[in-house]
Amino acid sequence: MLNAQGANIKHLPYAFTERGSIMAANVLNSPQAVAMSVFVIRAFVQQREVLSVNDAILKRLAEIDKTLLLHDSALRDIYQKLLPLLQPPPDPPKPKIGFREKSPRYGSKRSLLVQKTC
């Protein structure tokens, strides 16, 4: 049998809440009961402080993780841009085998003769 919250109502809970311990301290009047209820309340306060510190640490870790992801993507972009520069230069083209006609130089007598005859 389940209640609306989905908890099993057949079994009693194993732990107090902070409010339940305060209620128990108000009902019980013996000095030992009051001392134990104060001890339990202090334990709840200390537990709440530890959890709040953990939340702050988790938030800070999340911020650090975000900045690391941004830096990681920036470094990846820089590496991708530098990668072509790190490659060895391509081999120069090999000259063709055989005789080649030299092109006349600009202003030489031969080039002037060729231009006048054409």
Protein backbone atom coordinates (compact mmCIF):
# COMPACT_ATOMS: atom_id res chain seq x y z
CA MET A 1 0.00 0.00 0.00
CA LEU A 2 1.47 3.35 -1.06
CA ASN A 3 0.55 6.87 0.00
CA ALA A 4 0.45 9.90 -2.30
CA GLN A 5 4.19 10.58 -2.07
CA GLY A 6 5.06 7.02 -3.08
CA ALA A 7 6.60 6.07 0.27
CA ASN A 8 5.72 2.77 1.85
CA ILE A 9 3.48 3.42 4.89
CA LYS A 10 3.80 -0.12 6.28
CA HIS A 11 7.24 0.62 7.76
CA LEU A 12 8.27 3.41 10.11
CA PRO A 13 11.18 5.65 9.15
CA TYR A 14 14.60 4.88 10.64
CA ALA A 15 15.68 8.51 11.23
CA PHE A 16 14.48 11.71 12.88
CA THR A 17 14.12 14.96 11.09
CA GLU A 18 15.35 18.19 12.63
CA ARG A 19 11.80 19.26 13.44
CA GLY A 20 11.01 15.88 14.98
CA SER A 21 13.97 16.15 17.31
CA ILE A 22 12.85 19.65 18.40
CA MET A 23 9.36 18.29 19.09
CA ALA A 24 10.84 15.44 21.13
CA ALA A 25 12.93 17.95 23.13
CA ASN A 26 9.77 19.95 23.94
CA VAL A 27 7.87 16.87 25.12
CA LEU A 28 10.62 15.29 27.22
CA ASN A 29 11.55 17.11 30.43
CA SER A 30 14.40 15.07 31.88
CA PRO A 31 17.86 16.69 31.77
CA GLN A 32 19.35 13.72 29.93
CA ALA A 33 16.61 13.84 27.24
CA VAL A 34 17.10 17.59 26.78
CA ALA A 35 20.88 17.14 26.49
CA MET A 36 20.47 14.40 23.88
CA SER A 37 17.92 16.40 21.87
CA VAL A 38 20.29 19.41 21.88
CA PHE A 39 23.06 17.09 20.70
CA VAL A 40 20.84 15.79 17.89
CA ILE A 41 19.86 19.33 16.84
CA ARG A 42 23.54 20.36 16.75
CA ALA A 43 24.24 17.34 14.58
CA PHE A 44 21.50 18.44 12.15
CA VAL A 45 22.88 21.99 12.05
CA GLN A 46 26.39 20.68 11.39
CA GLN A 47 25.06 18.37 8.66
CA ARG A 48 23.26 21.31 7.01
CA GLU A 49 26.48 23.36 7.06
CA VAL A 50 28.46 20.52 5.49
CA LEU A 51 25.86 20.13 2.77
CA SER A 52 25.86 23.86 2.03
CA VAL A 53 29.67 23.81 1.76
CA ASN A 54 29.40 20.84 -0.61
CA ASP A 55 26.88 22.75 -2.73
CA ALA A 56 29.26 25.70 -2.95
CA ILE A 57 32.10 23.38 -3.95
CA LEU A 58 29.93 21.70 -6.58
CA LYS A 59 28.91 25.09 -8.03
CA ARG A 60 32.55 26.18 -8.18
CA LEU A 61 33.52 22.88 -9.85
CA ALA A 62 30.77 23.39 -12.41
CA GLU A 63 32.12 26.88 -13.19
CA ILE A 64 35.64 25.51 -13.55
CA ASP A 65 34.36 22.75 -15.82
CA LYS A 66 32.64 25.30 -18.06
CA THR A 67 35.79 27.41 -18.35
CA LEU A 68 37.86 24.31 -19.07
CA LEU A 69 35.47 23.34 -21.85
CA LEU A 70 35.76 26.83 -23.33
CA HIS A 71 39.54 26.71 -23.11
CA ASP A 72 39.57 23.21 -24.56
CA SER A 73 37.59 24.30 -27.60
CA ALA A 74 39.79 27.39 -28.05
CA LEU A 75 42.95 25.29 -27.85
CA ARG A 76 41.48 22.80 -30.32
CA ASP A 77 40.79 25.64 -32.78
CA ILE A 78 44.34 26.97 -32.39
CA TYR A 79 45.76 23.48 -32.92
CA GLN A 80 43.68 23.00 -36.06
CA LYS A 81 44.96 26.32 -37.42
CA LEU A 82 48.58 25.50 -36.57
CA LEU A 83 48.46 21.95 -37.93
CA PRO A 84 49.09 22.94 -41.58
CA LEU A 85 52.07 25.02 -40.48
CA LEU A 86 53.55 22.04 -38.65
CA GLN A 87 53.45 19.82 -41.73
CA PRO A 88 56.67 19.54 -43.77
CA PRO A 89 56.68 21.67 -46.92
CA PRO A 90 55.70 19.88 -50.13
CA ASP A 91 58.49 18.66 -52.40
CA PRO A 92 59.39 21.16 -55.12
CA PRO A 93 58.32 20.07 -58.62
CA LYS A 94 61.01 18.15 -60.46
CA PRO A 95 62.27 19.73 -63.68
CA LYS A 96 61.22 18.03 -66.89
CA ILE A 97 63.83 16.04 -68.72
CA GLY A 98 64.85 17.33 -72.17
CA PHE A 99 65.74 20.51 -73.95
CA ARG A 100 63.82 23.66 -73.20
CA GLU A 101 63.67 26.76 -75.27
CA LYS A 102 64.84 29.73 -73.26
CA SER A 103 62.44 32.61 -73.27
CA PRO A 104 64.03 35.84 -74.55
CA ARG A 105 64.75 38.42 -71.93
CA TYR A 106 62.90 41.66 -72.01
CA GLY A 107 64.92 44.32 -73.76
CA SER A 108 67.46 41.97 -75.33
CA LYS A 109 68.45 42.39 -78.99
CA ARG A 110 67.06 39.00 -79.93
CA SER A 111 63.60 39.77 -78.49
CA LEU A 112 63.55 43.07 -80.37
CA LEU A 113 64.41 41.31 -83.64
CA VAL A 114 61.69 38.72 -83.10
CA GLN A 115 59.09 41.39 -82.39
CA LYS A 116 60.04 43.45 -85.53
CA THR A 117 59.85 40.49 -87.89
CA CYS A 118 56.44 39.43 -86.75
